[in-house]
Amino acid sequence: MVSEKLNKIIEPTLNDLGFSLVRVRFSGVGADGKARSQLQIMAEPIESREMTVEDCTLISRQLAAVLDVEDPISEAYQLEVSSPGMDRPLTRLADFTRFSGELAKVSLLQARNGQKRFRGRLGGVDEGNLIHLDTGTGRVSFAFEEIDTAKIDPTEFFSTLKQQLRRDEKKNKAKDASAQDDKASSETDAG
């Protein structure tokens, strides 16, 4: 499999640079037959810090050199390096423990009680390696192998951010109104 071969080349290079591999995706030629294939590498710093543009540049340059030597892909392709972002994919069993308590969206390979997509708060992983997701209708548990896709749901973050922005806006309007009242009052006193 191409992705396993790529992982074996990419992961050690990232680790040497102080990053961990989140996901590798290789997409072939576009539907028009003209688009260039794309190799997408998603990485994050091993230490707890934000990923920067400079990090992506460093990774891209280093991986380009390694991939040129190893040559695992026979066709021309474009290399793209990015951070996981706010809606970080959950690609390893350990991610479900690491992000326990966060909101997540999970799609299963097979429907369970007529439903494949779930949204809820991650409840961690138990001793039997079952992943738990607390949804609005109760707890759903499933094995890692049953997952098609899973990612962090940033809705809660954006909702909290929006609320904070509204509070700040109200405070600023109140300060502006108070400043205008003070100015009007001092103009009246001067007259």
Protein backbone atom coordinates (compact mmCIF):
# COMPACT_ATOMS: atom_id res chain seq x y z
CA MET A 1 0.00 0.00 0.00
CA VAL A 2 1.33 3.44 -0.98
CA SER A 3 0.40 5.19 2.30
CA GLU A 4 2.21 2.57 4.45
CA LYS A 5 5.33 2.93 2.31
CA LEU A 6 5.09 6.73 2.57
CA ASN A 7 4.56 6.58 6.34
CA LYS A 8 7.76 4.53 6.75
CA ILE A 9 9.72 7.20 4.87
CA ILE A 10 8.02 10.31 6.26
CA GLU A 11 7.56 9.49 9.96
CA PRO A 12 11.25 9.07 10.91
CA THR A 13 12.15 12.30 9.11
CA LEU A 14 9.43 14.20 10.96
CA ASN A 15 10.46 12.72 14.30
CA ASP A 16 14.08 13.77 13.70
CA LEU A 17 12.82 17.33 13.12
CA GLY A 18 10.71 17.30 16.33
CA PHE A 19 7.30 16.65 14.74
CA SER A 20 4.83 13.80 14.73
CA LEU A 21 2.89 12.58 11.72
CA VAL A 22 -0.88 13.09 11.90
CA ARG A 23 -1.90 11.97 8.41
CA VAL A 24 -0.59 11.24 4.91
CA ARG A 25 -2.88 11.48 1.89
CA PHE A 26 -1.93 10.86 -1.70
CA SER A 27 -4.41 11.78 -4.43
CA GLY A 28 -3.82 10.72 -8.00
CA VAL A 29 -4.48 12.59 -11.22
CA GLY A 30 -7.53 14.86 -11.20
CA ALA A 31 -10.77 14.08 -13.01
CA ASP A 32 -9.71 16.27 -15.95
CA GLY A 33 -6.66 14.06 -16.43
CA LYS A 34 -4.42 17.14 -16.27
CA ALA A 35 -4.26 17.96 -12.58
CA ARG A 36 -1.03 17.01 -10.83
CA SER A 37 -1.12 14.38 -8.10
CA GLN A 38 -0.86 15.70 -4.58
CA LEU A 39 0.91 14.37 -1.49
CA GLN A 40 -0.55 15.93 1.66
CA ILE A 41 1.40 15.63 4.90
CA MET A 42 -0.24 16.74 8.13
CA ALA A 43 2.14 17.11 11.07
CA GLU A 44 2.31 18.68 14.51
CA PRO A 45 5.12 19.56 16.93
CA ILE A 46 5.98 16.80 19.39
CA GLU A 47 6.30 19.44 22.12
CA SER A 48 3.15 21.29 23.12
CA ARG A 49 3.25 24.44 20.97
CA GLU A 50 1.59 25.93 17.91
CA MET A 51 2.66 24.89 14.41
CA THR A 52 4.07 27.80 12.40
CA VAL A 53 4.47 28.56 8.70
CA GLU A 54 8.22 28.27 9.25
CA ASP A 55 7.68 24.74 10.60
CA CYS A 56 5.76 23.79 7.46
CA THR A 57 8.54 25.25 5.28
CA LEU A 58 11.22 23.32 7.19
CA ILE A 59 9.27 20.07 6.94
CA SER A 60 8.51 20.60 3.26
CA ARG A 61 12.17 21.20 2.35
CA GLN A 62 13.42 18.26 4.38
CA LEU A 63 10.76 15.84 3.12
CA ALA A 64 11.23 16.95 -0.49
CA ALA A 65 14.91 16.00 -0.25
CA VAL A 66 14.17 12.63 1.38
CA LEU A 67 11.36 11.82 -1.06
CA ASP A 68 13.58 12.71 -4.03
CA VAL A 69 16.15 10.17 -2.84
CA GLU A 70 13.68 7.44 -1.83
CA ASP A 71 11.42 8.10 -4.87
CA PRO A 72 8.33 6.22 -3.58
CA ILE A 73 6.00 7.87 -6.12
CA SER A 74 6.69 7.31 -9.79
CA GLU A 75 4.60 10.19 -11.14
CA ALA A 76 4.97 13.96 -10.71
CA TYR A 77 3.20 15.31 -7.62
CA GLN A 78 2.85 18.41 -5.52
CA LEU A 79 3.95 18.23 -1.86
CA GLU A 80 1.72 20.00 0.63
CA VAL A 81 2.56 20.27 4.35
CA SER A 82 0.07 21.56 6.90
CA SER A 83 -0.86 21.54 10.57
CA PRO A 84 -3.91 19.59 11.75
CA GLY A 85 -5.89 22.79 12.35
CA MET A 86 -8.92 23.32 14.56
CA ASP A 87 -10.84 20.35 13.16
CA ARG A 88 -7.92 18.01 13.73
CA PRO A 89 -8.39 14.50 12.38
CA LEU A 90 -8.21 11.72 14.94
CA THR A 91 -6.06 9.13 13.17
CA ARG A 92 -4.67 6.98 15.98
CA LEU A 93 -6.22 5.23 18.96
CA ALA A 94 -4.09 7.39 21.27
CA ASP A 95 -5.79 10.52 19.85
CA PHE A 96 -9.09 9.44 21.43
CA THR A 97 -7.45 9.38 24.86
CA ARG A 98 -5.45 12.57 24.28
CA PHE A 99 -8.53 14.54 23.25
CA SER A 100 -10.92 13.00 25.78
CA GLY A 101 -13.51 15.62 26.80
CA GLU A 102 -13.44 17.41 23.42
CA LEU A 103 -16.33 17.55 20.99
CA ALA A 104 -15.81 15.27 17.99
CA LYS A 105 -17.48 14.07 14.81
CA VAL A 106 -17.14 10.38 14.00
CA SER A 107 -18.28 8.49 10.90
CA LEU A 108 -18.37 4.72 11.09
CA LEU A 109 -17.77 2.31 8.22
CA GLN A 110 -21.03 0.46 8.98
CA ALA A 111 -24.29 1.95 10.24
CA ARG A 112 -25.22 1.29 13.84
CA ASN A 113 -28.97 1.33 14.48
CA GLY A 114 -29.36 3.09 11.12
CA GLN A 115 -26.78 5.77 11.89
CA LYS A 116 -23.20 6.15 10.63
CA ARG A 117 -22.39 9.70 11.75
CA PHE A 118 -22.14 10.75 15.37
CA ARG A 119 -21.32 13.99 17.14
CA GLY A 120 -20.53 14.14 20.83
CA ARG A 121 -17.96 14.51 23.56
CA LEU A 122 -15.09 12.03 23.55
CA GLY A 123 -15.27 9.79 26.60
CA GLY A 124 -11.85 8.23 26.17
CA VAL A 125 -10.79 4.63 25.56
CA ASP A 126 -11.42 1.75 27.94
CA GLU A 127 -9.23 -1.28 28.78
CA GLY A 128 -10.74 -3.23 25.87
CA ASN A 129 -9.74 -0.41 23.49
CA LEU A 130 -13.36 0.61 22.91
CA ILE A 131 -13.73 4.31 22.15
CA HIS A 132 -16.60 6.10 23.90
CA LEU A 133 -18.50 9.08 22.54
CA ASP A 134 -21.19 10.76 24.66
CA THR A 135 -23.86 12.03 22.28
CA GLY A 136 -27.14 13.85 22.85
CA THR A 137 -28.93 10.49 22.77
CA GLY A 138 -26.51 8.56 24.99
CA ARG A 139 -23.13 6.89 24.92
CA VAL A 140 -21.91 5.17 21.76
CA SER A 141 -18.93 2.82 21.92
CA PHE A 142 -16.98 1.40 18.99
CA ALA A 143 -13.63 -0.10 18.07
CA PHE A 144 -11.00 1.98 16.29
CA GLU A 145 -11.26 -0.35 13.27
CA GLU A 146 -14.94 0.57 12.87
CA ILE A 147 -14.14 4.24 12.18
CA ASP A 148 -14.18 5.67 8.68
CA THR A 149 -13.28 9.23 9.71
CA ALA A 150 -13.05 11.12 13.00
CA LYS A 151 -12.13 14.69 13.82
CA ILE A 152 -12.36 17.33 16.51
CA ASP A 153 -15.48 19.48 16.18
CA PRO A 154 -14.44 23.13 16.65
CA THR A 155 -18.05 24.36 16.96
CA GLU A 156 -17.75 24.84 20.72
CA PHE A 157 -14.55 26.87 20.35
CA PHE A 158 -16.08 29.17 17.74
CA SER A 159 -19.26 29.57 19.81
CA THR A 160 -17.20 30.55 22.87
CA LEU A 161 -15.07 32.89 20.76
CA LYS A 162 -18.16 34.54 19.28
CA GLN A 163 -19.64 35.04 22.76
CA GLN A 164 -16.40 36.64 23.97
CA LEU A 165 -16.31 38.96 20.94
CA ARG A 166 -19.90 40.03 21.64
CA ARG A 167 -19.06 40.74 25.29
CA ASP A 168 -16.00 42.76 24.25
CA GLU A 169 -18.07 44.68 21.70
CA LYS A 170 -20.66 45.57 24.36
CA LYS A 171 -17.91 46.74 26.75
CA ASN A 172 -16.35 48.89 24.01
CA LYS A 173 -19.73 50.45 23.16
CA ALA A 174 -20.33 51.18 26.84
CA LYS A 175 -16.86 52.77 27.15
CA ASP A 176 -17.47 54.86 24.00
CA ALA A 177 -20.86 56.02 25.30
CA SER A 178 -19.32 56.88 28.68
CA ALA A 179 -16.48 58.80 27.00
CA GLN A 180 -18.99 60.75 24.90
CA ASP A 181 -21.03 61.56 28.01
CA ASP A 182 -17.87 62.76 29.79
CA LYS A 183 -16.94 64.90 26.77
CA ALA A 184 -20.43 66.41 26.54
CA SER A 185 -20.42 67.06 30.28
CA SER A 186 -17.04 68.84 30.16
CA GLU A 187 -18.17 70.95 27.18
CA THR A 188 -21.28 72.00 29.12
CA ASP A 189 -19.18 72.88 32.17
CA ALA A 190 -16.81 74.97 30.03
CA GLY A 191 -19.72 76.93 28.45
